[in-house]
Amino acid sequence: MIEVECPCCGSTLQIDPETQCVIRHREPEKKATIEDLHSAVQQLKGEAERRNDIFQKSFASHLSGEKVREKKFEELLKQAKEDKSGAPPKRPFDLD
């Protein structure tokens, strides 16, 4: 039997040279990602609060941006109505 370690996942493969098939494979031992259930619950609650804060900031930014765009539009419209110096642009039909 030939033992080879997979470069991608780190598993140990036992290969039969005669049949050229994998006879056995062992996955590497994985570390426990969650040591304590209580800490995992606290982490999830913290992430939920963080997502909610980000959403609230984004929503407030969207609303304030809408108000800013409305004010800019009103100001430019007012400026365009007050500006009588320029002649209106020619229509495409008048160019012929």
PDB file of N, CA and C in Angstrom:
ATOM      1  N   MET A   1       0.832  -1.178   0.000  1.00  0.00           N
ATOM      2  CA  MET A   1       0.000   0.000   0.000  1.00  0.00           C
ATOM      3  C   MET A   1       0.882   1.247   0.000  1.00  0.00           C
ATOM      4  N   ILE A   2       0.433   2.227  -0.717  1.00  0.00           N
ATOM      5  CA  ILE A   2       1.120   3.513  -0.766  1.00  0.00           C
ATOM      6  C   ILE A   2       0.243   4.527  -0.039  1.00  0.00           C
ATOM      7  N   GLU A   3       0.843   5.275   0.883  1.00  0.00           N
ATOM      8  CA  GLU A   3       0.108   6.321   1.583  1.00  0.00           C
ATOM      9  C   GLU A   3       0.529   7.671   1.026  1.00  0.00           C
ATOM     10  N   VAL A   4      -0.473   8.451   0.656  1.00  0.00           N
ATOM     11  CA  VAL A   4      -0.238   9.773   0.074  1.00  0.00           C
ATOM     12  C   VAL A   4      -1.136  10.773   0.789  1.00  0.00           C
ATOM     13  N   GLU A   5      -0.598  11.966   1.022  1.00  0.00           N
ATOM     14  CA  GLU A   5      -1.411  13.022   1.624  1.00  0.00           C
ATOM     15  C   GLU A   5      -1.920  13.939   0.514  1.00  0.00           C
ATOM     16  N   CYS A   6      -3.208  14.179   0.532  1.00  0.00           N
ATOM     17  CA  CYS A   6      -3.835  15.039  -0.470  1.00  0.00           C
ATOM     18  C   CYS A   6      -3.402  16.486  -0.226  1.00  0.00           C
ATOM     19  N   PRO A   7      -2.889  17.179  -1.254  1.00  0.00           N
ATOM     20  CA  PRO A   7      -2.459  18.561  -1.059  1.00  0.00           C
ATOM     21  C   PRO A   7      -3.628  19.535  -0.884  1.00  0.00           C
ATOM     22  N   CYS A   8      -4.800  19.168  -1.342  1.00  0.00           N
ATOM     23  CA  CYS A   8      -5.956  20.070  -1.245  1.00  0.00           C
ATOM     24  C   CYS A   8      -6.600  20.028   0.129  1.00  0.00           C
ATOM     25  N   CYS A   9      -6.972  18.838   0.575  1.00  0.00           N
ATOM     26  CA  CYS A   9      -7.738  18.732   1.820  1.00  0.00           C
ATOM     27  C   CYS A   9      -6.923  18.180   2.979  1.00  0.00           C
ATOM     28  N   GLY A  10      -5.746  17.644   2.715  1.00  0.00           N
ATOM     29  CA  GLY A  10      -4.916  17.115   3.785  1.00  0.00           C
ATOM     30  C   GLY A  10      -5.275  15.705   4.210  1.00  0.00           C
ATOM     31  N   SER A  11      -6.164  15.043   3.493  1.00  0.00           N
ATOM     32  CA  SER A  11      -6.551  13.669   3.825  1.00  0.00           C
ATOM     33  C   SER A  11      -5.416  12.709   3.485  1.00  0.00           C
ATOM     34  N   THR A  12      -5.373  11.597   4.213  1.00  0.00           N
ATOM     35  CA  THR A  12      -4.397  10.555   3.932  1.00  0.00           C
ATOM     36  C   THR A  12      -5.073   9.488   3.085  1.00  0.00           C
ATOM     37  N   LEU A  13      -4.499   9.200   1.937  1.00  0.00           N
ATOM     38  CA  LEU A  13      -5.062   8.213   1.015  1.00  0.00           C
ATOM     39  C   LEU A  13      -4.161   6.986   0.986  1.00  0.00           C
ATOM     40  N   GLN A  14      -4.763   5.809   1.090  1.00  0.00           N
ATOM     41  CA  GLN A  14      -4.028   4.560   0.916  1.00  0.00           C
ATOM     42  C   GLN A  14      -4.397   4.014  -0.457  1.00  0.00           C
ATOM     43  N   ILE A  15      -3.386   3.853  -1.295  1.00  0.00           N
ATOM     44  CA  ILE A  15      -3.607   3.437  -2.680  1.00  0.00           C
ATOM     45  C   ILE A  15      -2.981   2.065  -2.894  1.00  0.00           C
ATOM     46  N   ASP A  16      -3.738   1.188  -3.550  1.00  0.00           N
ATOM     47  CA  ASP A  16      -3.237  -0.134  -3.918  1.00  0.00           C
ATOM     48  C   ASP A  16      -2.526   0.013  -5.259  1.00  0.00           C
ATOM     49  N   PRO A  17      -1.209  -0.244  -5.311  1.00  0.00           N
ATOM     50  CA  PRO A  17      -0.482  -0.055  -6.571  1.00  0.00           C
ATOM     51  C   PRO A  17      -0.898  -1.043  -7.662  1.00  0.00           C
ATOM     52  N   GLU A  18      -1.392  -2.183  -7.261  1.00  0.00           N
ATOM     53  CA  GLU A  18      -1.779  -3.190  -8.252  1.00  0.00           C
ATOM     54  C   GLU A  18      -3.044  -2.778  -9.001  1.00  0.00           C
ATOM     55  N   THR A  19      -4.059  -2.344  -8.268  1.00  0.00           N
ATOM     56  CA  THR A  19      -5.325  -1.955  -8.907  1.00  0.00           C
ATOM     57  C   THR A  19      -5.388  -0.462  -9.203  1.00  0.00           C
ATOM     58  N   GLN A  20      -4.459   0.303  -8.642  1.00  0.00           N
ATOM     59  CA  GLN A  20      -4.398   1.753  -8.792  1.00  0.00           C
ATOM     60  C   GLN A  20      -5.698   2.422  -8.345  1.00  0.00           C
ATOM     61  N   CYS A  21      -6.209   1.948  -7.223  1.00  0.00           N
ATOM     62  CA  CYS A  21      -7.440   2.491  -6.648  1.00  0.00           C
ATOM     63  C   CYS A  21      -7.186   2.909  -5.207  1.00  0.00           C
ATOM     64  N   VAL A  22      -7.963   3.851  -4.760  1.00  0.00           N
ATOM     65  CA  VAL A  22      -7.898   4.283  -3.368  1.00  0.00           C
ATOM     66  C   VAL A  22      -8.632   3.243  -2.539  1.00  0.00           C
ATOM     67  N   ILE A  23      -7.930   2.635  -1.610  1.00  0.00           N
ATOM     68  CA  ILE A  23      -8.507   1.608  -0.763  1.00  0.00           C
ATOM     69  C   ILE A  23      -9.121   2.236   0.486  1.00  0.00           C
ATOM     70  N   ARG A  24      -8.426   3.212   1.039  1.00  0.00           N
ATOM     71  CA  ARG A  24      -8.895   3.824   2.280  1.00  0.00           C
ATOM     72  C   ARG A  24      -8.478   5.287   2.289  1.00  0.00           C
ATOM     73  N   HIS A  25      -9.311   6.089   2.903  1.00  0.00           N
ATOM     74  CA  HIS A  25      -8.925   7.491   3.058  1.00  0.00           C
ATOM     75  C   HIS A  25      -9.338   7.968   4.441  1.00  0.00           C
ATOM     76  N   ARG A  26      -8.467   8.741   5.056  1.00  0.00           N
ATOM     77  CA  ARG A  26      -8.725   9.292   6.388  1.00  0.00           C
ATOM     78  C   ARG A  26      -8.654  10.810   6.299  1.00  0.00           C
ATOM     79  N   GLU A  27      -9.731  11.448   6.748  1.00  0.00           N
ATOM     80  CA  GLU A  27      -9.743  12.909   6.770  1.00  0.00           C
ATOM     81  C   GLU A  27      -8.949  13.385   7.974  1.00  0.00           C
ATOM     82  N   PRO A  28      -8.304  14.534   7.865  1.00  0.00           N
ATOM     83  CA  PRO A  28      -7.559  15.043   9.020  1.00  0.00           C
ATOM     84  C   PRO A  28      -8.517  15.457  10.131  1.00  0.00           C
ATOM     85  N   GLU A  29      -8.027  15.386  11.349  1.00  0.00           N
ATOM     86  CA  GLU A  29      -8.865  15.778  12.479  1.00  0.00           C
ATOM     87  C   GLU A  29      -9.094  17.279  12.419  1.00  0.00           C
ATOM     88  N   LYS A  30     -10.347  17.653  12.546  1.00  0.00           N
ATOM     89  CA  LYS A  30     -10.699  19.065  12.483  1.00  0.00           C
ATOM     90  C   LYS A  30     -10.802  19.617  13.895  1.00  0.00           C
ATOM     91  N   LYS A  31     -10.376  20.865  14.030  1.00  0.00           N
ATOM     92  CA  LYS A  31     -10.516  21.524  15.316  1.00  0.00           C
ATOM     93  C   LYS A  31     -11.977  21.877  15.516  1.00  0.00           C
ATOM     94  N   ALA A  32     -12.386  21.857  16.738  1.00  0.00           N
ATOM     95  CA  ALA A  32     -13.757  22.255  17.048  1.00  0.00           C
ATOM     96  C   ALA A  32     -13.864  23.761  16.850  1.00  0.00           C
ATOM     97  N   THR A  33     -14.790  24.177  15.997  1.00  0.00           N
ATOM     98  CA  THR A  33     -14.939  25.606  15.749  1.00  0.00           C
ATOM     99  C   THR A  33     -15.688  26.288  16.878  1.00  0.00           C
ATOM    100  N   ILE A  34     -16.513  25.542  17.558  1.00  0.00           N
ATOM    101  CA  ILE A  34     -17.274  26.092  18.676  1.00  0.00           C
ATOM    102  C   ILE A  34     -16.892  25.309  19.924  1.00  0.00           C
ATOM    103  N   GLU A  35     -16.171  25.971  20.822  1.00  0.00           N
ATOM    104  CA  GLU A  35     -15.762  25.295  22.047  1.00  0.00           C
ATOM    105  C   GLU A  35     -16.903  25.243  23.052  1.00  0.00           C
ATOM    106  N   ASP A  36     -17.693  26.299  23.052  1.00  0.00           N
ATOM    107  CA  ASP A  36     -18.722  26.412  24.070  1.00  0.00           C
ATOM    108  C   ASP A  36     -20.011  26.877  23.403  1.00  0.00           C
ATOM    109  N   LEU A  37     -21.101  26.231  23.706  1.00  0.00           N
ATOM    110  CA  LEU A  37     -22.383  26.583  23.103  1.00  0.00           C
ATOM    111  C   LEU A  37     -22.815  27.982  23.517  1.00  0.00           C
ATOM    112  N   HIS A  38     -22.553  28.340  24.753  1.00  0.00           N
ATOM    113  CA  HIS A  38     -22.925  29.676  25.245  1.00  0.00           C
ATOM    114  C   HIS A  38     -22.192  30.765  24.461  1.00  0.00           C
ATOM    115  N   SER A  39     -20.904  30.569  24.221  1.00  0.00           N
ATOM    116  CA  SER A  39     -20.141  31.574  23.471  1.00  0.00           C
ATOM    117  C   SER A  39     -20.617  31.646  22.022  1.00  0.00           C
ATOM    118  N   ALA A  40     -21.035  30.518  21.461  1.00  0.00           N
ATOM    119  CA  ALA A  40     -21.550  30.521  20.094  1.00  0.00           C
ATOM    120  C   ALA A  40     -22.853  31.303  20.002  1.00  0.00           C
ATOM    121  N   VAL A  41     -23.717  31.143  20.982  1.00  0.00           N
ATOM    122  CA  VAL A  41     -24.982  31.889  21.000  1.00  0.00           C
ATOM    123  C   VAL A  41     -24.702  33.381  21.130  1.00  0.00           C
ATOM    124  N   GLN A  42     -23.770  33.750  21.997  1.00  0.00           N
ATOM    125  CA  GLN A  42     -23.419  35.162  22.165  1.00  0.00           C
ATOM    126  C   GLN A  42     -22.839  35.734  20.873  1.00  0.00           C
ATOM    127  N   GLN A  43     -22.039  34.945  20.191  1.00  0.00           N
ATOM    128  CA  GLN A  43     -21.455  35.393  18.930  1.00  0.00           C
ATOM    129  C   GLN A  43     -22.547  35.626  17.890  1.00  0.00           C
ATOM    130  N   LEU A  44     -23.515  34.720  17.804  1.00  0.00           N
ATOM    131  CA  LEU A  44     -24.612  34.894  16.854  1.00  0.00           C
ATOM    132  C   LEU A  44     -25.454  36.119  17.187  1.00  0.00           C
ATOM    133  N   LYS A  45     -25.705  36.359  18.471  1.00  0.00           N
ATOM    134  CA  LYS A  45     -26.464  37.548  18.866  1.00  0.00           C
ATOM    135  C   LYS A  45     -25.697  38.813  18.504  1.00  0.00           C
ATOM    136  N   GLY A  46     -24.397  38.787  18.712  1.00  0.00           N
ATOM    137  CA  GLY A  46     -23.563  39.942  18.366  1.00  0.00           C
ATOM    138  C   GLY A  46     -23.584  40.216  16.876  1.00  0.00           C
ATOM    139  N   GLU A  47     -23.540  39.159  16.082  1.00  0.00           N
ATOM    140  CA  GLU A  47     -23.591  39.325  14.629  1.00  0.00           C
ATOM    141  C   GLU A  47     -24.944  39.863  14.190  1.00  0.00           C
ATOM    142  N   ALA A  48     -26.011  39.409  14.825  1.00  0.00           N
ATOM    143  CA  ALA A  48     -27.348  39.903  14.478  1.00  0.00           C
ATOM    144  C   ALA A  48     -27.462  41.391  14.800  1.00  0.00           C
ATOM    145  N   GLU A  49     -26.940  41.803  15.941  1.00  0.00           N
ATOM    146  CA  GLU A  49     -26.967  43.221  16.301  1.00  0.00           C
ATOM    147  C   GLU A  49     -26.135  44.047  15.324  1.00  0.00           C
ATOM    148  N   ARG A  50     -24.990  43.515  14.932  1.00  0.00           N
ATOM    149  CA  ARG A  50     -24.120  44.226  13.993  1.00  0.00           C
ATOM    150  C   ARG A  50     -24.804  44.379  12.636  1.00  0.00           C
ATOM    151  N   ARG A  51     -25.458  43.319  12.170  1.00  0.00           N
ATOM    152  CA  ARG A  51     -26.189  43.399  10.896  1.00  0.00           C
ATOM    153  C   ARG A  51     -27.311  44.419  10.979  1.00  0.00           C
ATOM    154  N   ASN A  52     -28.018  44.436  12.109  1.00  0.00           N
ATOM    155  CA  ASN A  52     -29.107  45.389  12.291  1.00  0.00           C
ATOM    156  C   ASN A  52     -28.576  46.826  12.292  1.00  0.00           C
ATOM    157  N   ASP A  53     -27.447  47.063  12.962  1.00  0.00           N
ATOM    158  CA  ASP A  53     -26.849  48.401  12.978  1.00  0.00           C
ATOM    159  C   ASP A  53     -26.447  48.841  11.576  1.00  0.00           C
ATOM    160  N   ILE A  54     -25.833  47.937  10.830  1.00  0.00           N
ATOM    161  CA  ILE A  54     -25.422  48.261   9.463  1.00  0.00           C
ATOM    162  C   ILE A  54     -26.639  48.574   8.608  1.00  0.00           C
ATOM    163  N   PHE A  55     -27.708  47.811   8.769  1.00  0.00           N
ATOM    164  CA  PHE A  55     -28.929  48.061   8.003  1.00  0.00           C
ATOM    165  C   PHE A  55     -29.519  49.420   8.351  1.00  0.00           C
ATOM    166  N   GLN A  56     -29.585  49.747   9.642  1.00  0.00           N
ATOM    167  CA  GLN A  56     -30.147  51.032  10.063  1.00  0.00           C
ATOM    168  C   GLN A  56     -29.329  52.196   9.508  1.00  0.00           C
ATOM    169  N   LYS A  57     -28.004  52.075   9.528  1.00  0.00           N
ATOM    170  CA  LYS A  57     -27.151  53.136   8.978  1.00  0.00           C
ATOM    171  C   LYS A  57     -27.369  53.279   7.476  1.00  0.00           C
ATOM    172  N   SER A  58     -27.463  52.168   6.780  1.00  0.00           N
ATOM    173  CA  SER A  58     -27.684  52.201   5.337  1.00  0.00           C
ATOM    174  C   SER A  58     -29.032  52.817   5.007  1.00  0.00           C
ATOM    175  N   PHE A  59     -30.052  52.473   5.770  1.00  0.00           N
ATOM    176  CA  PHE A  59     -31.394  53.005   5.539  1.00  0.00           C
ATOM    177  C   PHE A  59     -31.425  54.509   5.794  1.00  0.00           C
ATOM    178  N   ALA A  60     -30.789  54.959   6.881  1.00  0.00           N
ATOM    179  CA  ALA A  60     -30.735  56.392   7.190  1.00  0.00           C
ATOM    180  C   ALA A  60     -29.968  57.141   6.109  1.00  0.00           C
ATOM    181  N   SER A  61     -28.897  56.544   5.621  1.00  0.00           N
ATOM    182  CA  SER A  61     -28.123  57.163   4.546  1.00  0.00           C
ATOM    183  C   SER A  61     -28.960  57.283   3.278  1.00  0.00           C
ATOM    184  N   HIS A  62     -29.736  56.268   2.996  1.00  0.00           N
ATOM    185  CA  HIS A  62     -30.602  56.291   1.811  1.00  0.00           C
ATOM    186  C   HIS A  62     -31.641  57.407   1.930  1.00  0.00           C
ATOM    187  N   LEU A  63     -32.258  57.537   3.097  1.00  0.00           N
ATOM    188  CA  LEU A  63     -33.269  58.578   3.289  1.00  0.00           C
ATOM    189  C   LEU A  63     -32.660  59.973   3.214  1.00  0.00           C
ATOM    190  N   SER A  64     -31.512  60.164   3.844  1.00  0.00           N
ATOM    191  CA  SER A  64     -30.883  61.483   3.800  1.00  0.00           C
ATOM    192  C   SER A  64     -30.400  61.795   2.388  1.00  0.00           C
ATOM    193  N   GLY A  65     -29.937  60.800   1.660  1.00  0.00           N
ATOM    194  CA  GLY A  65     -29.515  61.002   0.273  1.00  0.00           C
ATOM    195  C   GLY A  65     -30.678  61.429  -0.595  1.00  0.00           C
ATOM    196  N   GLU A  66     -31.849  60.876  -0.334  1.00  0.00           N
ATOM    197  CA  GLU A  66     -33.040  61.246  -1.095  1.00  0.00           C
ATOM    198  C   GLU A  66     -33.389  62.708  -0.836  1.00  0.00           C
ATOM    199  N   LYS A  67     -33.287  63.137   0.412  1.00  0.00           N
ATOM    200  CA  LYS A  67     -33.571  64.536   0.752  1.00  0.00           C
ATOM    201  C   LYS A  67     -32.564  65.468   0.088  1.00  0.00           C
ATOM    202  N   VAL A  68     -31.303  65.073   0.078  1.00  0.00           N
ATOM    203  CA  VAL A  68     -30.260  65.887  -0.547  1.00  0.00           C
ATOM    204  C   VAL A  68     -30.520  66.013  -2.043  1.00  0.00           C
ATOM    205  N   ARG A  69     -30.858  64.905  -2.689  1.00  0.00           N
ATOM    206  CA  ARG A  69     -31.139  64.958  -4.132  1.00  0.00           C
ATOM    207  C   ARG A  69     -32.344  65.841  -4.425  1.00  0.00           C
ATOM    208  N   GLU A  70     -33.363  65.767  -3.583  1.00  0.00           N
ATOM    209  CA  GLU A  70     -34.554  66.600  -3.769  1.00  0.00           C
ATOM    210  C   GLU A  70     -34.202  68.079  -3.634  1.00  0.00           C
ATOM    211  N   LYS A  71     -33.386  68.431  -2.629  1.00  0.00           N
ATOM    212  CA  LYS A  71     -32.976  69.825  -2.449  1.00  0.00           C
ATOM    213  C   LYS A  71     -32.144  70.311  -3.632  1.00  0.00           C
ATOM    214  N   LYS A  72     -31.231  69.478  -4.111  1.00  0.00           N
ATOM    215  CA  LYS A  72     -30.414  69.854  -5.266  1.00  0.00           C
ATOM    216  C   LYS A  72     -31.287  70.080  -6.488  1.00  0.00           C
ATOM    217  N   PHE A  73     -32.260  69.211  -6.699  1.00  0.00           N
ATOM    218  CA  PHE A  73     -33.154  69.355  -7.839  1.00  0.00           C
ATOM    219  C   PHE A  73     -33.935  70.652  -7.746  1.00  0.00           C
ATOM    220  N   GLU A  74     -34.485  70.952  -6.568  1.00  0.00           N
ATOM    221  CA  GLU A  74     -35.256  72.184  -6.378  1.00  0.00           C
ATOM    222  C   GLU A  74     -34.387  73.410  -6.625  1.00  0.00           C
ATOM    223  N   GLU A  75     -33.159  73.391  -6.122  1.00  0.00           N
ATOM    224  CA  GLU A  75     -32.251  74.523  -6.303  1.00  0.00           C
ATOM    225  C   GLU A  75     -31.900  74.719  -7.776  1.00  0.00           C
ATOM    226  N   LEU A  76     -31.601  73.637  -8.475  1.00  0.00           N
ATOM    227  CA  LEU A  76     -31.274  73.745  -9.901  1.00  0.00           C
ATOM    228  C   LEU A  76     -32.483  74.177 -10.719  1.00  0.00           C
ATOM    229  N   LEU A  77     -33.666  73.721 -10.360  1.00  0.00           N
ATOM    230  CA  LEU A  77     -34.882  74.137 -11.058  1.00  0.00           C
ATOM    231  C   LEU A  77     -35.125  75.624 -10.841  1.00  0.00           C
ATOM    232  N   LYS A  78     -34.934  76.078  -9.623  1.00  0.00           N
ATOM    233  CA  LYS A  78     -35.092  77.503  -9.307  1.00  0.00           C
ATOM    234  C   LYS A  78     -34.074  78.332 -10.090  1.00  0.00           C
ATOM    235  N   GLN A  79     -32.838  77.855 -10.146  1.00  0.00           N
ATOM    236  CA  GLN A  79     -31.779  78.550 -10.869  1.00  0.00           C
ATOM    237  C   GLN A  79     -32.090  78.598 -12.364  1.00  0.00           C
ATOM    238  N   ALA A  80     -32.613  77.527 -12.911  1.00  0.00           N
ATOM    239  CA  ALA A  80     -32.950  77.496 -14.337  1.00  0.00           C
ATOM    240  C   ALA A  80     -34.096  78.451 -14.649  1.00  0.00           C
ATOM    241  N   LYS A  81     -35.066  78.579 -13.763  1.00  0.00           N
ATOM    242  CA  LYS A  81     -36.185  79.491 -13.987  1.00  0.00           C
ATOM    243  C   LYS A  81     -35.736  80.944 -13.895  1.00  0.00           C
ATOM    244  N   GLU A  82     -34.783  81.232 -13.008  1.00  0.00           N
ATOM    245  CA  GLU A  82     -34.304  82.596 -12.834  1.00  0.00           C
ATOM    246  C   GLU A  82     -33.364  83.019 -13.949  1.00  0.00           C
ATOM    247  N   ASP A  83     -32.672  82.097 -14.571  1.00  0.00           N
ATOM    248  CA  ASP A  83     -31.688  82.418 -15.608  1.00  0.00           C
ATOM    249  C   ASP A  83     -32.405  82.670 -16.931  1.00  0.00           C
ATOM    250  N   LYS A  84     -32.516  83.944 -17.307  1.00  0.00           N
ATOM    251  CA  LYS A  84     -33.191  84.314 -18.559  1.00  0.00           C
ATOM    252  C   LYS A  84     -32.185  84.776 -19.607  1.00  0.00           C
ATOM    253  N   SER A  85     -30.889  84.657 -19.336  1.00  0.00           N
ATOM    254  CA  SER A  85     -29.874  85.204 -20.228  1.00  0.00           C
ATOM    255  C   SER A  85     -29.740  84.427 -21.531  1.00  0.00           C
ATOM    256  N   GLY A  86     -29.867  83.172 -21.492  1.00  0.00           N
ATOM    257  CA  GLY A  86     -29.642  82.367 -22.683  1.00  0.00           C
ATOM    258  C   GLY A  86     -30.917  82.134 -23.468  1.00  0.00           C
ATOM    259  N   ALA A  87     -30.752  82.042 -24.763  1.00  0.00           N
ATOM    260  CA  ALA A  87     -31.892  81.722 -25.615  1.00  0.00           C
ATOM    261  C   ALA A  87     -32.160  80.232 -25.511  1.00  0.00           C
ATOM    262  N   PRO A  88     -33.392  79.827 -25.722  1.00  0.00           N
ATOM    263  CA  PRO A  88     -33.673  78.394 -25.672  1.00  0.00           C
ATOM    264  C   PRO A  88     -32.925  77.666 -26.788  1.00  0.00           C
ATOM    265  N   PRO A  89     -32.554  76.436 -26.568  1.00  0.00           N
ATOM    266  CA  PRO A  89     -31.824  75.694 -27.601  1.00  0.00           C
ATOM    267  C   PRO A  89     -32.701  75.468 -28.826  1.00  0.00           C
ATOM    268  N   LYS A  90     -32.033  75.361 -29.970  1.00  0.00           N
ATOM    269  CA  LYS A  90     -32.772  75.140 -31.214  1.00  0.00           C
ATOM    270  C   LYS A  90     -33.300  73.718 -31.258  1.00  0.00           C
ATOM    271  N   ARG A  91     -34.454  73.608 -31.850  1.00  0.00           N
ATOM    272  CA  ARG A  91     -35.041  72.290 -32.021  1.00  0.00           C
ATOM    273  C   ARG A  91     -34.387  71.615 -33.220  1.00  0.00           C
ATOM    274  N   PRO A  92     -34.334  70.318 -33.253  1.00  0.00           N
ATOM    275  CA  PRO A  92     -33.720  69.628 -34.394  1.00  0.00           C
ATOM    276  C   PRO A  92     -34.413  69.960 -35.719  1.00  0.00           C
ATOM    277  N   PHE A  93     -35.704  70.273 -35.680  1.00  0.00           N
ATOM    278  CA  PHE A  93     -36.426  70.587 -36.913  1.00  0.00           C
ATOM    279  C   PHE A  93     -36.009  71.942 -37.474  1.00  0.00           C
ATOM    280  N   ASP A  94     -35.521  72.844 -36.612  1.00  0.00           N
ATOM    281  CA  ASP A  94     -35.122  74.177 -37.056  1.00  0.00           C
ATOM    282  C   ASP A  94     -33.752  74.177 -37.719  1.00  0.00           C
ATOM    283  N   LEU A  95     -32.999  73.112 -37.617  1.00  0.00           N
ATOM    284  CA  LEU A  95     -31.653  73.069 -38.175  1.00  0.00           C
ATOM    285  C   LEU A  95     -31.655  72.911 -39.690  1.00  0.00           C
ATOM    286  N   ASP A  96     -32.707  72.452 -40.277  1.00  0.00           N
ATOM    287  CA  ASP A  96     -32.741  72.245 -41.730  1.00  0.00           C
ATOM    288  C   ASP A  96     -32.929  73.507 -42.487  1.00  0.00           C
TER     289      ASP A  96
END
